[in-house]
């Protein structure tokens, strides 16, 4: 399977709200399959379609230790978030080489269309919750560094762009 390359920051796809998916079709399932390969190759614990330049509200998450447990989501939204926060170091293949500690709710309940085309809701805790929220941010045109203060965010973006120039 050929996997599209990640779009690099500041590609416009990373700032757009992804288009809702009206129904789950074989074409949607193929995009999910491609996303899982890209996520596993990274290796990462989640991926949103806009990260590959695909304008669809699709995400995959697999924070398992064994892999192969990916949850496929279309049009995910957080229904409930815990008050308790969890801090985790986050990064993105769209701005490689930079990471930052981000605080997010420790647990979330998410509603999404599953791979059978049915509305589902699921509770996520810990790294699973962090990854789901990170992917939903991507679907809403937000990057992890948008959750940082302006000085920290600007420093991180500049560092990422400098790394990109020195690698390219």
Protein backbone atom coordinates (compact mmCIF):
# COMPACT_ATOMS: atom_id res chain seq x y z
CA UNK A 1 0.00 0.00 0.00
CA UNK A 2 1.30 3.44 -0.95
CA UNK A 3 0.94 5.90 1.90
CA UNK A 4 0.76 9.62 1.26
CA UNK A 5 3.48 11.70 2.88
CA UNK A 6 2.68 13.88 5.86
CA UNK A 7 1.98 17.49 4.97
CA UNK A 8 4.48 19.79 6.67
CA UNK A 9 3.67 22.76 8.87
CA UNK A 10 2.45 25.38 7.86
CA UNK A 11 0.46 23.53 5.15
CA UNK A 12 -3.10 25.00 4.95
CA UNK A 13 -4.69 21.53 5.48
CA UNK A 14 -3.44 21.67 9.07
CA UNK A 15 -5.47 24.82 9.80
CA UNK A 16 -8.77 23.84 8.15
CA UNK A 17 -11.68 22.20 9.93
CA UNK A 18 -12.01 18.78 8.29
CA UNK A 19 -15.14 18.00 6.29
CA UNK A 20 -17.62 15.69 8.04
CA UNK A 21 -17.92 12.16 6.68
CA UNK A 22 -21.57 11.55 5.67
CA UNK A 23 -21.30 7.73 5.61
CA UNK A 24 -18.79 4.95 5.96
CA UNK A 25 -17.92 3.53 2.55
CA UNK A 26 -15.19 1.24 1.23
CA UNK A 27 -13.28 4.38 0.16
CA UNK A 28 -13.39 5.66 3.75
CA UNK A 29 -12.21 2.29 5.03
CA UNK A 30 -9.26 2.41 2.58
CA UNK A 31 -8.29 5.85 3.92
CA UNK A 32 -8.42 4.48 7.48
CA UNK A 33 -6.20 1.54 6.40
CA UNK A 34 -3.69 3.97 4.87
CA UNK A 35 -3.75 6.09 8.02
CA UNK A 36 -3.04 3.08 10.24
CA UNK A 37 -0.03 2.13 8.12
CA UNK A 38 1.24 5.74 8.31
CA UNK A 39 0.65 5.83 12.10
CA UNK A 40 2.41 2.51 12.68
CA UNK A 41 5.33 3.52 10.43
CA UNK A 42 5.82 6.80 12.31
CA UNK A 43 5.52 5.13 14.96
CA UNK A 44 2.76 7.03 16.70
CA UNK A 45 -0.36 6.48 18.77
CA UNK A 46 -2.81 8.34 16.55
CA UNK A 47 -3.33 10.10 13.25
CA UNK A 48 -5.92 12.43 11.73
CA UNK A 49 -6.64 12.53 7.99
CA UNK A 50 -5.64 16.22 7.57
CA UNK A 51 -2.10 15.27 8.60
CA UNK A 52 -1.88 13.46 5.25
CA UNK A 53 -3.61 16.34 3.46
CA UNK A 54 -6.96 14.49 3.34
CA UNK A 55 -9.98 16.73 3.97
CA UNK A 56 -12.07 14.21 5.89
CA UNK A 57 -12.98 14.09 9.60
CA UNK A 58 -11.28 10.73 10.14
CA UNK A 59 -8.95 9.66 12.93
CA UNK A 60 -7.27 6.48 14.10
CA UNK A 61 -5.88 5.84 17.57
CA UNK A 62 -3.82 2.93 18.89
CA UNK A 63 -2.15 3.54 22.24
CA UNK A 64 -1.92 -0.18 22.98
CA UNK A 65 1.41 -1.77 23.85
CA UNK A 66 0.83 -4.66 21.45
CA UNK A 67 -0.35 -2.59 18.44
CA UNK A 68 -3.04 -3.80 16.09
CA UNK A 69 -5.78 -2.36 18.34
CA UNK A 70 -6.52 0.75 16.25
CA UNK A 71 -9.87 2.41 16.75
CA UNK A 72 -11.25 4.00 13.59
CA UNK A 73 -13.34 7.12 14.09
CA UNK A 74 -15.29 9.39 11.76
CA UNK A 75 -16.64 12.74 12.97
CA UNK A 76 -15.42 12.25 16.57
CA UNK A 77 -16.49 14.69 19.27
CA UNK A 78 -15.87 14.84 23.00
CA UNK A 79 -19.10 14.42 24.97
CA UNK A 80 -17.51 14.55 28.41
CA UNK A 81 -14.04 15.36 29.74
CA UNK A 82 -12.70 14.75 33.23
CA UNK A 83 -11.76 17.67 35.43
CA UNK A 84 -8.51 15.90 36.31
CA UNK A 85 -5.75 16.75 33.85
CA UNK A 86 -2.85 14.66 32.59
CA UNK A 87 0.39 16.11 31.27
CA UNK A 88 2.04 14.35 28.36
CA UNK A 89 4.82 15.17 25.93
CA UNK A 90 3.24 15.64 22.49
CA UNK A 91 4.66 16.05 19.02
CA UNK A 92 3.58 15.78 15.41
CA UNK A 93 5.09 14.36 12.22
CA UNK A 94 3.86 17.57 10.57
CA UNK A 95 6.49 19.53 12.54
CA UNK A 96 9.10 16.84 13.24
CA UNK A 97 11.73 17.02 15.92
CA UNK A 98 9.91 19.18 18.44
CA UNK A 99 7.88 18.17 21.47
CA UNK A 100 6.10 19.96 24.29
CA UNK A 101 4.30 19.01 27.47
CA UNK A 102 0.57 19.56 27.05
CA UNK A 103 -2.11 19.23 29.72
CA UNK A 104 -5.40 17.65 28.67
CA UNK A 105 -8.27 15.95 30.49
CA UNK A 106 -7.15 12.55 31.80
CA UNK A 107 -10.34 10.85 30.58
CA UNK A 108 -12.88 11.61 27.85
CA UNK A 109 -16.07 10.13 26.45
CA UNK A 110 -16.10 10.40 22.67
CA UNK A 111 -18.93 9.95 20.16
CA UNK A 112 -18.00 8.85 16.62
CA UNK A 113 -19.10 6.89 13.59
CA UNK A 114 -17.37 3.51 13.76
CA UNK A 115 -16.11 1.33 10.91
CA UNK A 116 -19.56 -0.29 10.60
CA UNK A 117 -21.16 3.11 9.99
CA UNK A 118 -22.90 3.16 13.40
CA UNK A 119 -22.73 5.88 16.02
CA UNK A 120 -20.63 4.71 18.91
CA UNK A 121 -19.44 6.22 22.17
CA UNK A 122 -16.39 5.14 24.05
CA UNK A 123 -14.48 6.14 27.17
CA UNK A 124 -10.75 6.75 26.81
CA UNK A 125 -8.27 7.15 29.68
CA UNK A 126 -4.59 8.08 29.92
CA UNK A 127 -2.58 7.97 26.69
CA UNK A 128 -5.66 6.84 24.74
CA UNK A 129 -7.52 9.98 25.93
CA UNK A 130 -4.56 12.22 25.12
CA UNK A 131 -4.25 10.79 21.62
CA UNK A 132 -7.98 11.02 20.86
CA UNK A 133 -8.03 14.67 21.94
CA UNK A 134 -4.88 15.39 19.93
CA UNK A 135 -6.53 13.91 16.79
CA UNK A 136 -9.78 15.83 17.35
CA UNK A 137 -7.69 19.01 17.59
CA UNK A 138 -6.21 18.17 14.15
CA UNK A 139 -9.72 17.70 12.76
CA UNK A 140 -10.57 21.17 14.06
CA UNK A 141 -7.52 22.79 12.47
CA UNK A 142 -5.47 22.94 15.66
CA UNK A 143 -1.96 21.73 16.37
CA UNK A 144 -0.70 20.59 19.77
CA UNK A 145 1.40 23.75 20.10
CA UNK A 146 -1.78 25.86 19.95
CA UNK A 147 -2.32 24.73 23.55
CA UNK A 148 0.91 26.43 24.64
CA UNK A 149 1.45 30.02 25.64
CA UNK A 150 2.49 32.41 22.81
CA UNK A 151 6.19 32.59 23.72
CA UNK A 152 6.60 28.82 24.09
CA UNK A 153 4.54 28.20 20.92
CA UNK A 154 6.61 30.63 18.82
CA UNK A 155 9.91 29.18 20.09
CA UNK A 156 8.75 25.63 19.30
CA UNK A 157 7.60 26.54 15.77
CA UNK A 158 10.87 28.38 15.05
CA UNK A 159 12.88 25.40 16.30
CA UNK A 160 10.83 22.99 14.14
CA UNK A 161 11.29 25.14 11.04
CA UNK A 162 15.03 25.45 11.72
CA UNK A 163 15.29 21.64 12.01
CA UNK A 164 13.36 21.30 8.75
CA UNK A 165 15.74 23.68 6.93
CA UNK A 166 18.85 21.94 8.27
CA UNK A 167 17.47 18.51 7.27
CA UNK A 168 16.29 19.64 3.84
